[in-house]
Structure formats: structure tokens, C-alpha cells
């Protein structure tokens, strides 16, 4: 089946459970799309080996009947989230070479639910920006273009996440929002983004911009997908003193 990367989370979840498709096939489709869309500069650290390993593990869980909602679904992770053994730079040259020895609570929750990480996504440096033009990786580009063909910003700071979801490079992505960094790029690229109520999602392992306002949330192709992903991301975390119980 072609165009698997264009599926929503809900559509892909149903096909996985019906055994119409495998997580490996979904992941391969997304990795191919990423490889062909380098001009968007959305993915800045690709993790194909991790993705395929997680996809195979997800297929085993699906075959065993142990399939949480996000099981087998390929997603992108904003570069603000610490991911164990994978570069986590917050789009800053200051953190070049930083590979955390720990996993953020949000990414761990998603991986525990069987999600597949395709790689890390571009953003404004330290999440301070609204156009994704302050990244050490260079600008992220909106897959939508102006009528004269001019490149447009995908917004920020979660610009890489917005661009990747809008361009069908991944089925969904994580974002963070302090003063609009999920909501604004979602609007710029025509996708769905939610800033959850403060404390609904753990901030542990997310590089802070403004701790009293930062909140992680889903960036997806539609509202139903946002609900599915948020359910996997959220929950009380004793590691975060502001996490709501």
C-alpha cells in the first residue's frame, strides 16, 4: 500500500490492528518521505536504526495482542525533548554533542505506549522564537508555498514539528508551547495543535524556556489524533513538581 505516511494516527492504528499493514511498513514509508524532503529542513537528527528497532518491537506487541493506542505509530520528537543517547540540542550550538543519559517523561510515555521515533525536529533556538529562523540547523520551511512560489515560515518555535506533520513526513509530532509555540505553527501549516492545561503533561526532561508557562502537547493531522496522542503523553509525574495529580 502506497502513501502510508499520509495516514492519520487513528487510520494507521486501525490498519495495524486489522493486520492490513505493519509498523515496519509505516516506518519505512515515513523514512522514505523524510529522505525526499530535506529541503524542508524539518528533521535535524534522523534515527532510522532506532525507528526500525522500535517498529519491529511494536509489530511483536501487536501480534501478541498487547497494543496500546500509539503502538507502532511513527512520530517525530521536537529537539527540546531529551532523548537518551540521541542528540538533544534545543537547536542551539551551545549543546552540540549533548546526548542525554536519560529520557524525558513525555518521550518515555510515548515509547512505553509503542510509538516509533523517526528522529528529532527543528525548532527556534531554546524555543525562543516564532518563525523557526533562530535555529543552529537553519530555517525550517513550510511545505505550503506562497502563490509566487516564495518559501514561507512554518511558525515557531515548534516549526520543524509543524512542517513535518503537514508534509506527511511523520504521522504526528511532539511540540512545546510557552506563548504560542504549538498553536501558532499549527495554524501556519494547517494542522492541529494543542497546548494542554499547565501541569497536565510532565515537563521533566524538556529543556526549559519559561518553567512557569512551558507545556508539552501533540501536533497532529486532526483533532481525533490530538486526543489519541495527548492521552499517551499526559499523566502525573513525581519527577515534575508542577505536574497535576
Protein backbone atom coordinates (compact mmCIF):
# COMPACT_ATOMS: atom_id res chain seq x y z
CA UNK A 1 0.00 0.00 0.00
CA UNK A 2 1.40 3.39 -1.01
CA UNK A 3 1.13 6.73 0.79
CA UNK A 4 1.16 5.09 4.22
CA UNK A 5 2.85 8.21 5.59
CA UNK A 6 -0.30 10.19 4.74
CA UNK A 7 -2.47 8.22 7.18
CA UNK A 8 -3.74 9.78 10.39
CA UNK A 9 -2.84 8.18 13.71
CA UNK A 10 -6.37 6.79 14.02
CA UNK A 11 -6.36 5.35 10.48
CA UNK A 12 -2.93 3.79 10.94
CA UNK A 13 -3.87 2.39 14.36
CA UNK A 14 -6.94 0.68 12.89
CA UNK A 15 -4.98 -0.76 9.97
CA UNK A 16 -2.30 -2.08 12.33
CA UNK A 17 -4.88 -3.81 14.49
CA UNK A 18 -6.62 -5.24 11.43
CA UNK A 19 -3.21 -6.52 10.23
CA UNK A 20 -3.62 -4.62 6.95
CA UNK A 21 -0.21 -3.04 7.47
CA UNK A 22 2.79 -3.41 9.76
CA UNK A 23 4.64 -0.82 11.79
CA UNK A 24 7.76 -1.60 9.79
CA UNK A 25 5.91 -0.69 6.57
CA UNK A 26 4.58 2.54 8.10
CA UNK A 27 8.02 3.45 9.37
CA UNK A 28 9.73 2.72 6.06
CA UNK A 29 7.18 4.94 4.27
CA UNK A 30 7.92 7.83 6.63
CA UNK A 31 11.70 7.36 6.41
CA UNK A 32 11.43 7.49 2.61
CA UNK A 33 9.36 10.66 2.80
CA UNK A 34 11.91 12.26 5.15
CA UNK A 35 14.75 11.39 2.80
CA UNK A 36 12.94 13.07 -0.08
CA UNK A 37 12.05 16.24 1.82
CA UNK A 38 15.40 17.53 3.05
CA UNK A 39 14.62 20.97 1.58
CA UNK A 40 12.09 21.50 4.38
CA UNK A 41 14.85 21.09 7.00
CA UNK A 42 12.25 19.70 9.40
CA UNK A 43 14.17 16.65 10.68
CA UNK A 44 17.60 17.59 12.03
CA UNK A 45 18.71 14.31 13.66
CA UNK A 46 17.45 11.18 11.89
CA UNK A 47 17.24 7.94 13.87
CA UNK A 48 16.34 5.25 11.29
CA UNK A 49 18.03 2.43 13.22
CA UNK A 50 16.11 3.24 16.40
CA UNK A 51 12.91 3.64 14.38
CA UNK A 52 13.21 0.21 12.75
CA UNK A 53 14.07 -1.46 16.06
CA UNK A 54 11.04 0.14 17.73
CA UNK A 55 8.82 -0.73 14.75
CA UNK A 56 9.78 -4.41 14.92
CA UNK A 57 9.12 -4.42 18.68
CA UNK A 58 5.74 -2.77 18.07
CA UNK A 59 4.81 -5.40 15.49
CA UNK A 60 5.62 -8.09 18.06
CA UNK A 61 3.37 -6.38 20.63
CA UNK A 62 0.58 -6.08 18.07
CA UNK A 63 0.90 -9.77 17.18
CA UNK A 64 0.68 -10.65 20.88
CA UNK A 65 -2.44 -8.54 21.34
CA UNK A 66 -0.62 -6.03 23.57
CA UNK A 67 -1.31 -2.88 21.58
CA UNK A 68 -1.76 0.49 23.33
CA UNK A 69 -3.18 3.32 21.24
CA UNK A 70 0.17 4.63 19.93
CA UNK A 71 1.71 1.22 19.32
CA UNK A 72 3.58 1.09 16.03
CA UNK A 73 2.89 4.69 15.02
CA UNK A 74 5.89 6.68 13.64
CA UNK A 75 6.31 10.18 15.10
CA UNK A 76 8.86 12.97 15.33
CA UNK A 77 10.23 14.43 18.57
CA UNK A 78 10.96 18.15 18.94
CA UNK A 79 14.64 18.76 19.65
CA UNK A 80 13.70 20.33 23.01
CA UNK A 81 12.92 16.87 24.48
CA UNK A 82 15.84 14.92 25.93
CA UNK A 83 16.11 11.54 24.24
CA UNK A 84 18.53 9.01 25.66
CA UNK A 85 21.66 8.57 23.54
CA UNK A 86 20.28 10.82 20.78
CA UNK A 87 21.41 14.44 20.18
CA UNK A 88 19.16 16.86 22.07
CA UNK A 89 20.42 20.34 21.27
CA UNK A 90 17.34 22.60 21.58
CA UNK A 91 18.51 23.85 18.14
CA UNK A 92 21.50 25.54 19.80
CA UNK A 93 25.18 25.29 19.02
CA UNK A 94 25.82 25.54 22.76
CA UNK A 95 24.52 21.99 23.24
CA UNK A 96 26.24 20.48 20.22
CA UNK A 97 27.29 16.93 21.04
CA UNK A 98 24.93 16.61 24.01
CA UNK A 99 23.44 13.12 24.16
CA UNK A 100 21.40 12.70 27.36
CA UNK A 101 21.78 9.65 29.55
CA UNK A 102 18.06 9.83 30.37
CA UNK A 103 14.70 10.05 28.60
CA UNK A 104 12.16 12.83 29.02
CA UNK A 105 8.94 11.68 30.66
CA UNK A 106 6.88 12.57 27.57
CA UNK A 107 9.04 10.61 25.12
CA UNK A 108 9.28 7.71 27.59
CA UNK A 109 5.48 7.65 27.92
CA UNK A 110 5.14 7.56 24.14
CA UNK A 111 7.75 4.81 23.77
CA UNK A 112 6.09 2.80 26.56
CA UNK A 113 2.90 3.08 24.50
CA UNK A 114 4.76 1.66 21.49
CA UNK A 115 5.38 4.84 19.47
CA UNK A 116 8.24 4.84 16.96
CA UNK A 117 10.77 7.72 16.91
CA UNK A 118 11.83 8.74 13.41
CA UNK A 119 14.16 11.47 14.63
CA UNK A 120 14.45 14.95 16.18
CA UNK A 121 12.73 18.02 14.76
CA UNK A 122 13.89 21.56 14.05
CA UNK A 123 12.83 24.48 16.26
CA UNK A 124 13.78 28.01 17.29
CA UNK A 125 16.89 28.01 19.49
CA UNK A 126 15.91 27.17 23.08
CA UNK A 127 12.26 27.59 21.95
CA UNK A 128 12.68 31.37 21.86
CA UNK A 129 11.10 32.46 18.60
CA UNK A 130 8.01 32.32 16.43
CA UNK A 131 9.38 31.75 12.93
CA UNK A 132 11.99 28.96 13.25
CA UNK A 133 14.69 31.34 11.98
CA UNK A 134 16.93 31.21 15.08
CA UNK A 135 17.92 27.54 14.79
CA UNK A 136 21.54 26.45 14.60
CA UNK A 137 20.34 23.98 11.95
CA UNK A 138 18.99 26.74 9.72
CA UNK A 139 15.40 27.66 8.93
CA UNK A 140 12.61 25.14 8.83
CA UNK A 141 10.43 25.61 5.74
CA UNK A 142 6.64 25.46 5.46
CA UNK A 143 5.52 22.80 2.95
CA UNK A 144 2.87 25.29 1.80
CA UNK A 145 4.23 27.97 -0.54
CA UNK A 146 3.12 31.48 -1.48
CA UNK A 147 1.34 32.00 -4.81
CA UNK A 148 4.59 33.34 -6.28
CA UNK A 149 6.49 30.28 -5.07
CA UNK A 150 8.25 32.06 -2.21
CA UNK A 151 9.19 29.96 0.80
CA UNK A 152 7.08 30.57 3.90
CA UNK A 153 7.84 30.10 7.58
CA UNK A 154 6.09 27.23 9.36
CA UNK A 155 5.99 29.36 12.51
CA UNK A 156 7.73 28.57 15.75
CA UNK A 157 9.11 27.58 17.99
CA UNK A 158 7.79 24.12 17.01
CA UNK A 159 8.31 24.85 13.31
CA UNK A 160 10.00 21.58 12.44
CA UNK A 161 7.20 19.62 14.10
CA UNK A 162 4.54 21.57 12.22
CA UNK A 163 6.32 21.27 8.88
CA UNK A 164 6.93 17.54 9.30
CA UNK A 165 3.31 16.75 10.14
CA UNK A 166 1.91 18.99 7.38
CA UNK A 167 4.24 17.39 4.82
CA UNK A 168 3.34 13.84 5.95
CA UNK A 169 6.91 13.07 6.99
CA UNK A 170 5.56 11.60 10.23
CA UNK A 171 2.10 10.73 11.47
CA UNK A 172 2.38 13.19 14.39
CA UNK A 173 4.97 15.07 16.44
CA UNK A 174 5.61 16.46 19.89
CA UNK A 175 5.71 20.21 20.44
CA UNK A 176 6.03 22.61 23.33
CA UNK A 177 4.13 25.85 23.92
CA UNK A 178 5.04 28.76 26.18
CA UNK A 179 3.40 31.69 24.42
CA UNK A 180 2.03 30.01 21.30
CA UNK A 181 4.80 27.68 20.12
CA UNK A 182 2.40 24.83 19.31
CA UNK A 183 -0.70 26.82 18.41
CA UNK A 184 0.88 29.35 16.05
CA UNK A 185 2.87 26.90 13.86
CA UNK A 186 -0.13 24.57 13.76
CA UNK A 187 -2.17 27.46 12.36
CA UNK A 188 0.60 28.41 9.89
CA UNK A 189 0.72 24.89 8.43
CA UNK A 190 -2.92 23.82 8.63
CA UNK A 191 -2.55 21.07 11.22
CA UNK A 192 -3.96 20.54 14.73
CA UNK A 193 -2.01 21.53 17.83
CA UNK A 194 -2.99 21.68 21.49
CA UNK A 195 -1.38 23.43 24.43
CA UNK A 196 -2.75 21.36 27.32
CA UNK A 197 -3.64 22.83 30.70
CA UNK A 198 -0.44 23.58 32.64
CA UNK A 199 0.58 20.54 34.67
CA UNK A 200 -1.32 18.04 32.51
CA UNK A 201 1.89 16.90 30.80
CA UNK A 202 5.20 16.44 32.58
CA UNK A 203 7.99 18.90 31.82
CA UNK A 204 10.72 16.59 33.16
CA UNK A 205 13.48 16.15 30.61
CA UNK A 206 12.31 19.07 28.46
CA UNK A 207 14.89 21.86 28.17
CA UNK A 208 13.19 24.80 29.88
CA UNK A 209 12.46 28.20 28.39
CA UNK A 210 9.99 29.62 30.94
CA UNK A 211 9.21 26.94 33.51
CA UNK A 212 6.05 28.61 34.83
CA UNK A 213 4.48 28.58 31.35
CA UNK A 214 6.06 25.76 29.29
CA UNK A 215 3.79 22.87 28.41
CA UNK A 216 4.25 19.97 26.00
CA UNK A 217 1.49 18.93 23.65
CA UNK A 218 0.65 16.99 20.48
CA UNK A 219 0.88 18.25 16.90
CA UNK A 220 -1.25 16.08 14.63
CA UNK A 221 -3.24 15.92 11.40
CA UNK A 222 -6.64 16.24 13.06
CA UNK A 223 -8.44 16.65 16.38
CA UNK A 224 -9.04 12.94 16.95
CA UNK A 225 -5.33 12.25 16.56
CA UNK A 226 -4.52 15.01 19.04
CA UNK A 227 -6.72 13.29 21.63
CA UNK A 228 -5.08 9.92 20.99
CA UNK A 229 -1.55 11.30 21.32
CA UNK A 230 -2.26 13.54 24.30
CA UNK A 231 -3.69 10.57 26.20
CA UNK A 232 -0.36 8.78 25.77
CA UNK A 233 1.74 11.85 26.65
CA UNK A 234 -0.06 13.05 29.76
CA UNK A 235 -0.26 11.92 33.37
CA UNK A 236 1.04 12.74 36.82
CA UNK A 237 4.83 12.62 37.17
CA UNK A 238 6.51 12.80 40.60
CA UNK A 239 9.67 13.96 38.83
CA UNK A 240 7.91 17.26 37.94
CA UNK A 241 6.84 19.33 40.96
CA UNK A 242 4.29 21.21 38.80
CA UNK A 243 2.69 18.03 37.45
CA UNK A 244 -1.02 17.81 38.27
CA UNK A 245 -2.16 14.76 40.22
